Amino acid sequence: MRPAAFIHLQILPQLVQRMKLADIMTILGSIDIIMGEVDRLNDH
């Protein structure tokens, strides 16, 4: 089972296309990527 942070990280390039830096920071804060969850996928 994949954590939600992994899915959010995968869609990030599509979300930030043609956005300003301030908008990108808001998007990153709102989707709440937890890198510890994403890192666990490499253990399998």
N, C-alpha and C. Protein backbone atom coordinates (compact mmCIF):
# COMPACT_ATOMS: atom_id res chain seq x y z
N MET A 1 0.84 -1.17 0.00
CA MET A 1 0.00 0.00 0.00
C MET A 1 0.89 1.24 0.00
N ARG A 2 0.59 2.17 -0.89
CA ARG A 2 1.39 3.38 -0.99
C ARG A 2 0.80 4.49 -0.13
N PRO A 3 1.65 5.22 0.57
CA PRO A 3 1.15 6.34 1.37
C PRO A 3 0.71 7.49 0.48
N ALA A 4 -0.13 8.35 1.01
CA ALA A 4 -0.65 9.49 0.25
C ALA A 4 0.47 10.42 -0.19
N ALA A 5 1.52 10.56 0.60
CA ALA A 5 2.62 11.45 0.25
C ALA A 5 3.30 11.00 -1.05
N PHE A 6 3.34 9.71 -1.29
CA PHE A 6 3.94 9.20 -2.52
C PHE A 6 3.13 9.64 -3.73
N ILE A 7 1.82 9.55 -3.64
CA ILE A 7 0.95 9.97 -4.74
C ILE A 7 1.07 11.47 -4.97
N HIS A 8 1.11 12.24 -3.89
CA HIS A 8 1.26 13.70 -4.02
C HIS A 8 2.58 14.06 -4.68
N LEU A 9 3.63 13.35 -4.36
CA LEU A 9 4.93 13.62 -4.95
C LEU A 9 4.93 13.30 -6.44
N GLN A 10 4.23 12.28 -6.85
CA GLN A 10 4.18 11.89 -8.25
C GLN A 10 3.44 12.91 -9.11
N ILE A 11 2.43 13.57 -8.56
CA ILE A 11 1.64 14.52 -9.33
C ILE A 11 2.21 15.94 -9.27
N LEU A 12 3.22 16.16 -8.45
CA LEU A 12 3.79 17.49 -8.25
C LEU A 12 4.24 18.18 -9.54
N PRO A 13 4.92 17.53 -10.48
CA PRO A 13 5.32 18.23 -11.71
C PRO A 13 4.13 18.80 -12.49
N GLN A 14 3.01 18.09 -12.51
CA GLN A 14 1.84 18.60 -13.21
C GLN A 14 1.20 19.77 -12.46
N LEU A 15 1.29 19.76 -11.14
CA LEU A 15 0.68 20.83 -10.35
C LEU A 15 1.43 22.15 -10.46
N VAL A 16 2.73 22.11 -10.63
CA VAL A 16 3.53 23.34 -10.57
C VAL A 16 3.91 23.91 -11.93
N GLN A 17 3.43 23.32 -13.00
CA GLN A 17 3.74 23.87 -14.32
C GLN A 17 3.20 25.28 -14.45
N ARG A 18 4.05 26.17 -14.94
CA ARG A 18 3.70 27.57 -15.20
C ARG A 18 3.20 28.31 -13.96
N MET A 19 3.67 27.92 -12.79
CA MET A 19 3.29 28.60 -11.54
C MET A 19 4.42 29.51 -11.09
N LYS A 20 4.07 30.53 -10.35
CA LYS A 20 5.07 31.40 -9.73
C LYS A 20 5.61 30.72 -8.48
N LEU A 21 6.80 31.16 -8.05
CA LEU A 21 7.45 30.53 -6.90
C LEU A 21 6.58 30.58 -5.65
N ALA A 22 5.92 31.70 -5.41
CA ALA A 22 5.06 31.81 -4.23
C ALA A 22 3.90 30.82 -4.30
N ASP A 23 3.37 30.59 -5.50
CA ASP A 23 2.29 29.62 -5.66
C ASP A 23 2.79 28.19 -5.42
N ILE A 24 4.01 27.91 -5.87
CA ILE A 24 4.59 26.58 -5.66
C ILE A 24 4.76 26.29 -4.17
N MET A 25 5.21 27.28 -3.42
CA MET A 25 5.38 27.10 -1.97
C MET A 25 4.03 26.83 -1.30
N THR A 26 2.98 27.49 -1.76
CA THR A 26 1.64 27.25 -1.22
C THR A 26 1.16 25.84 -1.56
N ILE A 27 1.42 25.40 -2.78
CA ILE A 27 1.03 24.04 -3.19
C ILE A 27 1.77 23.01 -2.35
N LEU A 28 3.08 23.19 -2.17
CA LEU A 28 3.86 22.25 -1.36
C LEU A 28 3.36 22.18 0.07
N GLY A 29 2.99 23.33 0.62
CA GLY A 29 2.47 23.34 1.98
C GLY A 29 1.11 22.70 2.11
N SER A 30 0.31 22.80 1.06
CA SER A 30 -1.06 22.28 1.15
C SER A 30 -1.14 20.77 0.94
N ILE A 31 -0.22 20.19 0.15
CA ILE A 31 -0.31 18.75 -0.07
C ILE A 31 0.45 17.97 1.00
N ASP A 32 1.26 18.64 1.81
CA ASP A 32 1.88 18.04 3.01
C ASP A 32 2.64 16.75 2.70
N ILE A 33 3.68 16.87 1.90
CA ILE A 33 4.52 15.72 1.58
C ILE A 33 5.40 15.39 2.78
N ILE A 34 5.36 14.16 3.24
CA ILE A 34 6.19 13.69 4.34
C ILE A 34 7.23 12.75 3.73
N MET A 35 8.47 13.22 3.67
CA MET A 35 9.51 12.46 2.98
C MET A 35 9.81 11.13 3.66
N GLY A 36 9.55 11.01 4.94
CA GLY A 36 9.75 9.73 5.62
C GLY A 36 8.85 8.64 5.07
N GLU A 37 7.64 8.99 4.68
CA GLU A 37 6.73 8.02 4.08
C GLU A 37 7.22 7.60 2.70
N VAL A 38 7.69 8.56 1.92
CA VAL A 38 8.16 8.27 0.57
C VAL A 38 9.43 7.43 0.62
N ASP A 39 10.30 7.70 1.58
CA ASP A 39 11.55 6.98 1.71
C ASP A 39 11.34 5.51 2.06
N ARG A 40 10.27 5.19 2.75
CA ARG A 40 9.99 3.80 3.13
C ARG A 40 9.76 2.90 1.93
N LEU A 41 9.36 3.45 0.80
CA LEU A 41 9.09 2.64 -0.39
C LEU A 41 10.36 2.02 -0.96
N ASN A 42 11.52 2.60 -0.70
CA ASN A 42 12.77 2.06 -1.21
C ASN A 42 13.22 0.81 -0.47
N ASP A 43 12.64 0.53 0.69
CA ASP A 43 13.04 -0.64 1.48
C ASP A 43 12.50 -1.95 0.92
N HIS A 44 11.52 -1.90 0.05
CA HIS A 44 10.87 -3.12 -0.45
C HIS A 44 11.62 -3.70 -1.61
